Each structure stands twice: as C-alpha cells, then as structure tokens.
Amino acid sequence: MTGSMLVYDPTALSQIEIQYSQYTLKSLRGAVVGFIDNAKPNFQYLVDDLADLLIRNYGVANIVRRRKHTASMPADEAVFEELSTQCDLVIAGSGD
C-alpha cells in the first residue's frame, strides 16, 4: 500500500528558538560556514570532506575552522565570539 501521511510536531518552540528563528538561513549559497573541531581523532577528515561538499554542491562561499584544545573542555569564549561575527552557520562536531 502506498500513500502519504501528515505528521504534526506537537512540541512548542522554546523562547530561544523563537528568538533565533529570525536567523534561519534560506540558502547556503554565499554563506560562510564555521566548524568547531572538538579535538577528537579524525574530525579534521570529516570537515575536509564536508567543506568540499558544501562549497561544490551548495555554493558556500567560505569555511572557517577552529579547533578546541581538548574534547573535555568547552571552546574558548573568543572562538565563539569570532565565529559568531564571521559565520552564518556554525557546526560543532565530533570525530573518532
């Protein structure tokens, strides 16, 4: 049997989601994407592949990479400040 099903998400948006919903990207074309590497092995290989894919297939203008000192500690506040001023989207990642 084939058909379609309409599913509603019953969860409400949090105040933070409402506040930041105005920043939703309409497209990746021309965007600057940042990556925060959590300092685990192999993440840099994933970022390299993702960066290439984002630029080649989605028109991303630039990639900014920053690496944490260690996986068990948060990134420095300066990293967040820098990425928030330079990037349209930031992806925090994990490797292994």
PDB file of N, CA and C in Angstrom:
ATOM      1  N   MET A   1       0.843  -1.172   0.000  1.00  0.00           N
ATOM      2  CA  MET A   1       0.000   0.000   0.000  1.00  0.00           C
ATOM      3  C   MET A   1       0.890   1.239   0.000  1.00  0.00           C
ATOM      4  N   THR A   2       0.560   2.193  -0.838  1.00  0.00           N
ATOM      5  CA  THR A   2       1.286   3.453  -0.861  1.00  0.00           C
ATOM      6  C   THR A   2       0.325   4.570  -0.511  1.00  0.00           C
ATOM      7  N   GLY A   3       0.865   5.622  -0.038  1.00  0.00           N
ATOM      8  CA  GLY A   3       0.051   6.770   0.335  1.00  0.00           C
ATOM      9  C   GLY A   3       0.907   7.785   1.051  1.00  0.00           C
ATOM     10  N   SER A   4       0.287   8.750   1.619  1.00  0.00           N
ATOM     11  CA  SER A   4       1.040   9.757   2.358  1.00  0.00           C
ATOM     12  C   SER A   4       0.399   9.942   3.714  1.00  0.00           C
ATOM     13  N   MET A   5       1.178  10.468   4.618  1.00  0.00           N
ATOM     14  CA  MET A   5       0.713  10.696   5.967  1.00  0.00           C
ATOM     15  C   MET A   5       1.189  12.075   6.412  1.00  0.00           C
ATOM     16  N   LEU A   6       0.309  12.837   6.983  1.00  0.00           N
ATOM     17  CA  LEU A   6       0.657  14.145   7.504  1.00  0.00           C
ATOM     18  C   LEU A   6       0.931  13.989   8.992  1.00  0.00           C
ATOM     19  N   VAL A   7       2.115  14.404   9.436  1.00  0.00           N
ATOM     20  CA  VAL A   7       2.503  14.277  10.835  1.00  0.00           C
ATOM     21  C   VAL A   7       2.745  15.664  11.394  1.00  0.00           C
ATOM     22  N   TYR A   8       2.132  15.967  12.513  1.00  0.00           N
ATOM     23  CA  TYR A   8       2.321  17.240  13.196  1.00  0.00           C
ATOM     24  C   TYR A   8       3.272  17.053  14.368  1.00  0.00           C
ATOM     25  N   ASP A   9       4.153  18.008  14.558  1.00  0.00           N
ATOM     26  CA  ASP A   9       5.060  18.002  15.700  1.00  0.00           C
ATOM     27  C   ASP A   9       4.374  18.760  16.835  1.00  0.00           C
ATOM     28  N   PRO A  10       4.052  18.075  17.934  1.00  0.00           N
ATOM     29  CA  PRO A  10       3.298  18.731  19.000  1.00  0.00           C
ATOM     30  C   PRO A  10       4.141  19.576  19.950  1.00  0.00           C
ATOM     31  N   THR A  11       5.422  19.606  19.751  1.00  0.00           N
ATOM     32  CA  THR A  11       6.273  20.360  20.667  1.00  0.00           C
ATOM     33  C   THR A  11       6.249  21.841  20.322  1.00  0.00           C
ATOM     34  N   ALA A  12       6.271  22.647  21.343  1.00  0.00           N
ATOM     35  CA  ALA A  12       6.292  24.102  21.156  1.00  0.00           C
ATOM     36  C   ALA A  12       7.732  24.578  21.033  1.00  0.00           C
ATOM     37  N   LEU A  13       7.920  25.670  20.328  1.00  0.00           N
ATOM     38  CA  LEU A  13       9.244  26.262  20.244  1.00  0.00           C
ATOM     39  C   LEU A  13       9.618  26.877  21.588  1.00  0.00           C
ATOM     40  N   SER A  14      10.867  26.710  21.965  1.00  0.00           N
ATOM     41  CA  SER A  14      11.345  27.359  23.183  1.00  0.00           C
ATOM     42  C   SER A  14      11.536  28.850  22.914  1.00  0.00           C
ATOM     43  N   GLN A  15      11.687  29.622  23.963  1.00  0.00           N
ATOM     44  CA  GLN A  15      11.922  31.062  23.801  1.00  0.00           C
ATOM     45  C   GLN A  15      13.204  31.320  23.022  1.00  0.00           C
ATOM     46  N   ILE A  16      14.207  30.492  23.222  1.00  0.00           N
ATOM     47  CA  ILE A  16      15.472  30.654  22.486  1.00  0.00           C
ATOM     48  C   ILE A  16      15.239  30.384  21.002  1.00  0.00           C
ATOM     49  N   GLU A  17      14.475  29.321  20.677  1.00  0.00           N
ATOM     50  CA  GLU A  17      14.190  29.021  19.274  1.00  0.00           C
ATOM     51  C   GLU A  17      13.394  30.142  18.632  1.00  0.00           C
ATOM     52  N   ILE A  18      12.457  30.704  19.353  1.00  0.00           N
ATOM     53  CA  ILE A  18      11.675  31.815  18.823  1.00  0.00           C
ATOM     54  C   ILE A  18      12.575  33.021  18.584  1.00  0.00           C
ATOM     55  N   GLN A  19      13.452  33.302  19.556  1.00  0.00           N
ATOM     56  CA  GLN A  19      14.351  34.453  19.444  1.00  0.00           C
ATOM     57  C   GLN A  19      15.277  34.310  18.244  1.00  0.00           C
ATOM     58  N   TYR A  20      15.795  33.105  18.005  1.00  0.00           N
ATOM     59  CA  TYR A  20      16.772  32.918  16.946  1.00  0.00           C
ATOM     60  C   TYR A  20      16.160  32.450  15.632  1.00  0.00           C
ATOM     61  N   SER A  21      14.851  32.244  15.575  1.00  0.00           N
ATOM     62  CA  SER A  21      14.237  31.797  14.331  1.00  0.00           C
ATOM     63  C   SER A  21      14.385  32.834  13.222  1.00  0.00           C
ATOM     64  N   GLN A  22      14.597  34.087  13.583  1.00  0.00           N
ATOM     65  CA  GLN A  22      14.804  35.125  12.585  1.00  0.00           C
ATOM     66  C   GLN A  22      16.119  34.944  11.832  1.00  0.00           C
ATOM     67  N   TYR A  23      17.001  34.106  12.355  1.00  0.00           N
ATOM     68  CA  TYR A  23      18.308  33.898  11.731  1.00  0.00           C
ATOM     69  C   TYR A  23      18.353  32.654  10.857  1.00  0.00           C
ATOM     70  N   THR A  24      17.216  32.057  10.583  1.00  0.00           N
ATOM     71  CA  THR A  24      17.179  30.860   9.757  1.00  0.00           C
ATOM     72  C   THR A  24      17.703  31.178   8.361  1.00  0.00           C
ATOM     73  N   LEU A  25      18.641  30.381   7.889  1.00  0.00           N
ATOM     74  CA  LEU A  25      19.198  30.574   6.554  1.00  0.00           C
ATOM     75  C   LEU A  25      18.215  30.087   5.505  1.00  0.00           C
ATOM     76  N   LYS A  26      18.026  30.870   4.493  1.00  0.00           N
ATOM     77  CA  LYS A  26      17.157  30.469   3.384  1.00  0.00           C
ATOM     78  C   LYS A  26      17.920  29.604   2.383  1.00  0.00           C
ATOM     79  N   SER A  27      19.242  29.788   2.352  1.00  0.00           N
ATOM     80  CA  SER A  27      20.075  29.052   1.408  1.00  0.00           C
ATOM     81  C   SER A  27      21.511  29.053   1.926  1.00  0.00           C
ATOM     82  N   LEU A  28      22.274  28.069   1.515  1.00  0.00           N
ATOM     83  CA  LEU A  28      23.694  28.041   1.856  1.00  0.00           C
ATOM     84  C   LEU A  28      24.535  28.815   0.832  1.00  0.00           C
ATOM     85  N   ARG A  29      23.950  29.134  -0.298  1.00  0.00           N
ATOM     86  CA  ARG A  29      24.684  29.850  -1.345  1.00  0.00           C
ATOM     87  C   ARG A  29      25.200  31.178  -0.819  1.00  0.00           C
ATOM     88  N   GLY A  30      26.529  31.347  -0.896  1.00  0.00           N
ATOM     89  CA  GLY A  30      27.166  32.576  -0.443  1.00  0.00           C
ATOM     90  C   GLY A  30      27.410  32.638   1.062  1.00  0.00           C
ATOM     91  N   ALA A  31      27.010  31.618   1.786  1.00  0.00           N
ATOM     92  CA  ALA A  31      27.162  31.621   3.249  1.00  0.00           C
ATOM     93  C   ALA A  31      28.591  31.278   3.658  1.00  0.00           C
ATOM     94  N   VAL A  32      28.931  31.698   4.861  1.00  0.00           N
ATOM     95  CA  VAL A  32      30.191  31.313   5.494  1.00  0.00           C
ATOM     96  C   VAL A  32      29.831  30.316   6.589  1.00  0.00           C
ATOM     97  N   VAL A  33      30.428  29.121   6.505  1.00  0.00           N
ATOM     98  CA  VAL A  33      30.133  28.055   7.457  1.00  0.00           C
ATOM     99  C   VAL A  33      31.348  27.831   8.338  1.00  0.00           C
ATOM    100  N   GLY A  34      31.120  27.806   9.634  1.00  0.00           N
ATOM    101  CA  GLY A  34      32.189  27.548  10.592  1.00  0.00           C
ATOM    102  C   GLY A  34      32.079  26.155  11.162  1.00  0.00           C
ATOM    103  N   PHE A  35      33.220  25.592  11.509  1.00  0.00           N
ATOM    104  CA  PHE A  35      33.282  24.289  12.173  1.00  0.00           C
ATOM    105  C   PHE A  35      34.093  24.435  13.450  1.00  0.00           C
ATOM    106  N   ILE A  36      33.561  23.891  14.542  1.00  0.00           N
ATOM    107  CA  ILE A  36      34.334  23.783  15.777  1.00  0.00           C
ATOM    108  C   ILE A  36      34.717  22.319  15.920  1.00  0.00           C
ATOM    109  N   ASP A  37      35.987  22.050  15.775  1.00  0.00           N
ATOM    110  CA  ASP A  37      36.549  20.708  15.909  1.00  0.00           C
ATOM    111  C   ASP A  37      36.713  20.427  17.394  1.00  0.00           C
ATOM    112  N   ASN A  38      36.149  19.329  17.882  1.00  0.00           N
ATOM    113  CA  ASN A  38      36.216  19.053  19.312  1.00  0.00           C
ATOM    114  C   ASN A  38      37.505  18.344  19.731  1.00  0.00           C
ATOM    115  N   ALA A  39      38.472  18.264  18.859  1.00  0.00           N
ATOM    116  CA  ALA A  39      39.804  17.730  19.137  1.00  0.00           C
ATOM    117  C   ALA A  39      39.844  16.211  19.262  1.00  0.00           C
ATOM    118  N   LYS A  40      38.836  15.534  18.780  1.00  0.00           N
ATOM    119  CA  LYS A  40      38.877  14.076  18.745  1.00  0.00           C
ATOM    120  C   LYS A  40      39.489  13.635  17.416  1.00  0.00           C
ATOM    121  N   PRO A  41      40.071  12.431  17.409  1.00  0.00           N
ATOM    122  CA  PRO A  41      40.711  11.955  16.181  1.00  0.00           C
ATOM    123  C   PRO A  41      39.737  11.882  15.015  1.00  0.00           C
ATOM    124  N   ASN A  42      40.214  12.194  13.844  1.00  0.00           N
ATOM    125  CA  ASN A  42      39.524  12.037  12.560  1.00  0.00           C
ATOM    126  C   ASN A  42      38.512  13.121  12.217  1.00  0.00           C
ATOM    127  N   PHE A  43      38.212  14.027  13.130  1.00  0.00           N
ATOM    128  CA  PHE A  43      37.223  15.049  12.786  1.00  0.00           C
ATOM    129  C   PHE A  43      37.709  15.916  11.638  1.00  0.00           C
ATOM    130  N   GLN A  44      38.995  16.199  11.578  1.00  0.00           N
ATOM    131  CA  GLN A  44      39.509  17.053  10.511  1.00  0.00           C
ATOM    132  C   GLN A  44      39.248  16.451   9.136  1.00  0.00           C
ATOM    133  N   TYR A  45      39.224  15.115   9.025  1.00  0.00           N
ATOM    134  CA  TYR A  45      38.943  14.472   7.741  1.00  0.00           C
ATOM    135  C   TYR A  45      37.474  14.660   7.361  1.00  0.00           C
ATOM    136  N   LEU A  46      36.591  14.546   8.332  1.00  0.00           N
ATOM    137  CA  LEU A  46      35.170  14.772   8.096  1.00  0.00           C
ATOM    138  C   LEU A  46      34.929  16.216   7.660  1.00  0.00           C
ATOM    139  N   VAL A  47      35.579  17.166   8.340  1.00  0.00           N
ATOM    140  CA  VAL A  47      35.413  18.583   7.998  1.00  0.00           C
ATOM    141  C   VAL A  47      35.926  18.864   6.593  1.00  0.00           C
ATOM    142  N   ASP A  48      37.048  18.286   6.235  1.00  0.00           N
ATOM    143  CA  ASP A  48      37.578  18.486   4.887  1.00  0.00           C
ATOM    144  C   ASP A  48      36.572  18.032   3.833  1.00  0.00           C
ATOM    145  N   ASP A  49      35.988  16.847   4.035  1.00  0.00           N
ATOM    146  CA  ASP A  49      35.011  16.327   3.079  1.00  0.00           C
ATOM    147  C   ASP A  49      33.735  17.170   3.067  1.00  0.00           C
ATOM    148  N   LEU A  50      33.245  17.545   4.244  1.00  0.00           N
ATOM    149  CA  LEU A  50      32.037  18.375   4.316  1.00  0.00           C
ATOM    150  C   LEU A  50      32.261  19.744   3.685  1.00  0.00           C
ATOM    151  N   ALA A  51      33.409  20.333   3.953  1.00  0.00           N
ATOM    152  CA  ALA A  51      33.712  21.647   3.384  1.00  0.00           C
ATOM    153  C   ALA A  51      33.705  21.581   1.859  1.00  0.00           C
ATOM    154  N   ASP A  52      34.346  20.568   1.313  1.00  0.00           N
ATOM    155  CA  ASP A  52      34.380  20.404  -0.139  1.00  0.00           C
ATOM    156  C   ASP A  52      32.968  20.235  -0.700  1.00  0.00           C
ATOM    157  N   LEU A  53      32.166  19.411  -0.059  1.00  0.00           N
ATOM    158  CA  LEU A  53      30.788  19.178  -0.499  1.00  0.00           C
ATOM    159  C   LEU A  53      29.950  20.448  -0.412  1.00  0.00           C
ATOM    160  N   LEU A  54      30.076  21.188   0.694  1.00  0.00           N
ATOM    161  CA  LEU A  54      29.298  22.417   0.871  1.00  0.00           C
ATOM    162  C   LEU A  54      29.657  23.479  -0.162  1.00  0.00           C
ATOM    163  N   ILE A  55      30.921  23.593  -0.472  1.00  0.00           N
ATOM    164  CA  ILE A  55      31.363  24.581  -1.462  1.00  0.00           C
ATOM    165  C   ILE A  55      30.955  24.148  -2.870  1.00  0.00           C
ATOM    166  N   ARG A  56      31.239  22.909  -3.203  1.00  0.00           N
ATOM    167  CA  ARG A  56      30.987  22.413  -4.558  1.00  0.00           C
ATOM    168  C   ARG A  56      29.494  22.276  -4.874  1.00  0.00           C
ATOM    169  N   ASN A  57      28.720  21.720  -3.946  1.00  0.00           N
ATOM    170  CA  ASN A  57      27.322  21.397  -4.244  1.00  0.00           C
ATOM    171  C   ASN A  57      26.311  22.437  -3.775  1.00  0.00           C
ATOM    172  N   TYR A  58      26.690  23.262  -2.801  1.00  0.00           N
ATOM    173  CA  TYR A  58      25.713  24.181  -2.227  1.00  0.00           C
ATOM    174  C   TYR A  58      26.115  25.651  -2.308  1.00  0.00           C
ATOM    175  N   GLY A  59      27.249  25.937  -2.919  1.00  0.00           N
ATOM    176  CA  GLY A  59      27.634  27.319  -3.143  1.00  0.00           C
ATOM    177  C   GLY A  59      28.096  28.072  -1.913  1.00  0.00           C
ATOM    178  N   VAL A  60      28.542  27.348  -0.882  1.00  0.00           N
ATOM    179  CA  VAL A  60      29.076  28.013   0.308  1.00  0.00           C
ATOM    180  C   VAL A  60      30.302  28.821  -0.103  1.00  0.00           C
ATOM    181  N   ALA A  61      30.381  30.051   0.382  1.00  0.00           N
ATOM    182  CA  ALA A  61      31.449  30.963  -0.026  1.00  0.00           C
ATOM    183  C   ALA A  61      32.772  30.691   0.682  1.00  0.00           C
ATOM    184  N   ASN A  62      32.696  30.324   1.959  1.00  0.00           N
ATOM    185  CA  ASN A  62      33.929  30.152   2.726  1.00  0.00           C
ATOM    186  C   ASN A  62      33.673  29.235   3.911  1.00  0.00           C
ATOM    187  N   ILE A  63      34.736  28.568   4.345  1.00  0.00           N
ATOM    188  CA  ILE A  63      34.710  27.698   5.516  1.00  0.00           C
ATOM    189  C   ILE A  63      35.711  28.236   6.526  1.00  0.00           C
ATOM    190  N   VAL A  64      35.298  28.328   7.784  1.00  0.00           N
ATOM    191  CA  VAL A  64      36.178  28.751   8.878  1.00  0.00           C
ATOM    192  C   VAL A  64      36.274  27.585   9.850  1.00  0.00           C
ATOM    193  N   ARG A  65      37.506  27.147  10.131  1.00  0.00           N
ATOM    194  CA  ARG A  65      37.725  26.017  11.043  1.00  0.00           C
ATOM    195  C   ARG A  65      38.430  26.506  12.306  1.00  0.00           C
ATOM    196  N   ARG A  66      37.925  26.058  13.437  1.00  0.00           N
ATOM    197  CA  ARG A  66      38.596  26.319  14.716  1.00  0.00           C
ATOM    198  C   ARG A  66      38.607  25.026  15.514  1.00  0.00           C
ATOM    199  N   ARG A  67      39.675  24.795  16.247  1.00  0.00           N
ATOM    200  CA  ARG A  67      39.841  23.544  16.999  1.00  0.00           C
ATOM    201  C   ARG A  67      39.916  23.829  18.489  1.00  0.00           C
ATOM    202  N   LYS A  68      39.163  23.053  19.261  1.00  0.00           N
ATOM    203  CA  LYS A  68      39.239  23.167  20.710  1.00  0.00           C
ATOM    204  C   LYS A  68      40.567  22.579  21.189  1.00  0.00           C
ATOM    205  N   HIS A  69      40.994  22.976  22.379  1.00  0.00           N
ATOM    206  CA  HIS A  69      42.245  22.446  22.935  1.00  0.00           C
ATOM    207  C   HIS A  69      42.096  20.983  23.334  1.00  0.00           C
ATOM    208  N   THR A  70      40.928  20.627  23.838  1.00  0.00           N
ATOM    209  CA  THR A  70      40.670  19.261  24.269  1.00  0.00           C
ATOM    210  C   THR A  70      39.181  18.977  24.181  1.00  0.00           C
ATOM    211  N   ALA A  71      38.836  17.708  23.993  1.00  0.00           N
ATOM    212  CA  ALA A  71      37.428  17.336  23.835  1.00  0.00           C
ATOM    213  C   ALA A  71      36.626  17.529  25.116  1.00  0.00           C
ATOM    214  N   SER A  72      37.287  17.500  26.253  1.00  0.00           N
ATOM    215  CA  SER A  72      36.562  17.547  27.527  1.00  0.00           C
ATOM    216  C   SER A  72      36.263  18.960  28.030  1.00  0.00           C
ATOM    217  N   MET A  73      36.752  19.968  27.346  1.00  0.00           N
ATOM    218  CA  MET A  73      36.535  21.355  27.775  1.00  0.00           C
ATOM    219  C   MET A  73      35.820  22.126  26.664  1.00  0.00           C
ATOM    220  N   PRO A  74      35.037  23.133  27.044  1.00  0.00           N
ATOM    221  CA  PRO A  74      34.388  23.950  26.004  1.00  0.00           C
ATOM    222  C   PRO A  74      35.410  24.793  25.241  1.00  0.00           C
ATOM    223  N   ALA A  75      35.021  25.235  24.085  1.00  0.00           N
ATOM    224  CA  ALA A  75      35.881  26.140  23.311  1.00  0.00           C
ATOM    225  C   ALA A  75      36.012  27.462  24.062  1.00  0.00           C
ATOM    226  N   ASP A  76      37.105  28.143  23.820  1.00  0.00           N
ATOM    227  CA  ASP A  76      37.306  29.454  24.438  1.00  0.00           C
ATOM    228  C   ASP A  76      36.216  30.416  23.994  1.00  0.00           C
ATOM    229  N   GLU A  77      35.851  31.326  24.863  1.00  0.00           N
ATOM    230  CA  GLU A  77      34.833  32.332  24.551  1.00  0.00           C
ATOM    231  C   GLU A  77      35.220  33.129  23.306  1.00  0.00           C
ATOM    232  N   ALA A  78      36.507  33.361  23.116  1.00  0.00           N
ATOM    233  CA  ALA A  78      36.977  34.112  21.946  1.00  0.00           C
ATOM    234  C   ALA A  78      36.634  33.388  20.647  1.00  0.00           C
ATOM    235  N   VAL A  79      36.643  32.059  20.669  1.00  0.00           N
ATOM    236  CA  VAL A  79      36.285  31.281  19.480  1.00  0.00           C
ATOM    237  C   VAL A  79      34.822  31.515  19.136  1.00  0.00           C
ATOM    238  N   PHE A  80      33.955  31.486  20.150  1.00  0.00           N
ATOM    239  CA  PHE A  80      32.527  31.735  19.913  1.00  0.00           C
ATOM    240  C   PHE A  80      32.296  33.145  19.387  1.00  0.00           C
ATOM    241  N   GLU A  81      32.977  34.108  19.968  1.00  0.00           N
ATOM    242  CA  GLU A  81      32.822  35.494  19.516  1.00  0.00           C
ATOM    243  C   GLU A  81      33.273  35.651  18.070  1.00  0.00           C
ATOM    244  N   GLU A  82      34.422  35.066  17.752  1.00  0.00           N
ATOM    245  CA  GLU A  82      34.946  35.158  16.394  1.00  0.00           C
ATOM    246  C   GLU A  82      33.996  34.513  15.388  1.00  0.00           C
ATOM    247  N   LEU A  83      33.570  33.292  15.678  1.00  0.00           N
ATOM    248  CA  LEU A  83      32.704  32.586  14.743  1.00  0.00           C
ATOM    249  C   LEU A  83      31.342  33.261  14.605  1.00  0.00           C
ATOM    250  N   SER A  84      30.841  33.835  15.688  1.00  0.00           N
ATOM    251  CA  SER A  84      29.534  34.496  15.610  1.00  0.00           C
ATOM    252  C   SER A  84      29.575  35.748  14.751  1.00  0.00           C
ATOM    253  N   THR A  85      30.733  36.372  14.625  1.00  0.00           N
ATOM    254  CA  THR A  85      30.837  37.567  13.783  1.00  0.00           C
ATOM    255  C   THR A  85      31.193  37.225  12.341  1.00  0.00           C
ATOM    256  N   GLN A  86      31.852  36.093  12.121  1.00  0.00           N
ATOM    257  CA  GLN A  86      32.310  35.741  10.774  1.00  0.00           C
ATOM    258  C   GLN A  86      31.384  34.793  10.011  1.00  0.00           C
ATOM    259  N   CYS A  87      30.599  34.001  10.730  1.00  0.00           N
ATOM    260  CA  CYS A  87      29.887  32.896  10.093  1.00  0.00           C
ATOM    261  C   CYS A  87      28.369  33.081  10.097  1.00  0.00           C
ATOM    262  N   ASP A  88      27.755  32.523   9.075  1.00  0.00           N
ATOM    263  CA  ASP A  88      26.298  32.482   9.000  1.00  0.00           C
ATOM    264  C   ASP A  88      25.751  31.228   9.684  1.00  0.00           C
ATOM    265  N   LEU A  89      26.590  30.211   9.795  1.00  0.00           N
ATOM    266  CA  LEU A  89      26.213  28.923  10.360  1.00  0.00           C
ATOM    267  C   LEU A  89      27.454  28.305  10.975  1.00  0.00           C
ATOM    268  N   VAL A  90      27.320  27.717  12.164  1.00  0.00           N
ATOM    269  CA  VAL A  90      28.445  27.043  12.805  1.00  0.00           C
ATOM    270  C   VAL A  90      28.025  25.635  13.173  1.00  0.00           C
ATOM    271  N   ILE A  91      28.879  24.677  12.845  1.00  0.00           N
ATOM    272  CA  ILE A  91      28.632  23.267  13.146  1.00  0.00           C
ATOM    273  C   ILE A  91      29.695  22.815  14.141  1.00  0.00           C
ATOM    274  N   ALA A  92      29.239  22.325  15.294  1.00  0.00           N
ATOM    275  CA  ALA A  92      30.150  21.752  16.285  1.00  0.00           C
ATOM    276  C   ALA A  92      30.170  20.261  16.036  1.00  0.00           C
ATOM    277  N   GLY A  93      31.357  19.682  15.935  1.00  0.00           N
ATOM    278  CA  GLY A  93      31.427  18.279  15.535  1.00  0.00           C
ATOM    279  C   GLY A  93      32.215  17.394  16.439  1.00  0.00           C
ATOM    280  N   SER A  94      32.098  16.136  16.148  1.00  0.00           N
ATOM    281  CA  SER A  94      32.783  15.108  16.908  1.00  0.00           C
ATOM    282  C   SER A  94      33.372  14.093  15.935  1.00  0.00           C
ATOM    283  N   GLY A  95      34.501  13.593  16.270  1.00  0.00           N
ATOM    284  CA  GLY A  95      35.122  12.564  15.463  1.00  0.00           C
ATOM    285  C   GLY A  95      35.479  11.378  16.329  1.00  0.00           C
ATOM    286  N   ASP A  96      36.090  10.416  15.784  1.00  0.00           N
ATOM    287  CA  ASP A  96      36.626   9.212  16.451  1.00  0.00           C
ATOM    288  C   ASP A  96      36.865   8.172  15.422  1.00  0.00           C
TER     289      ASP A  96
END
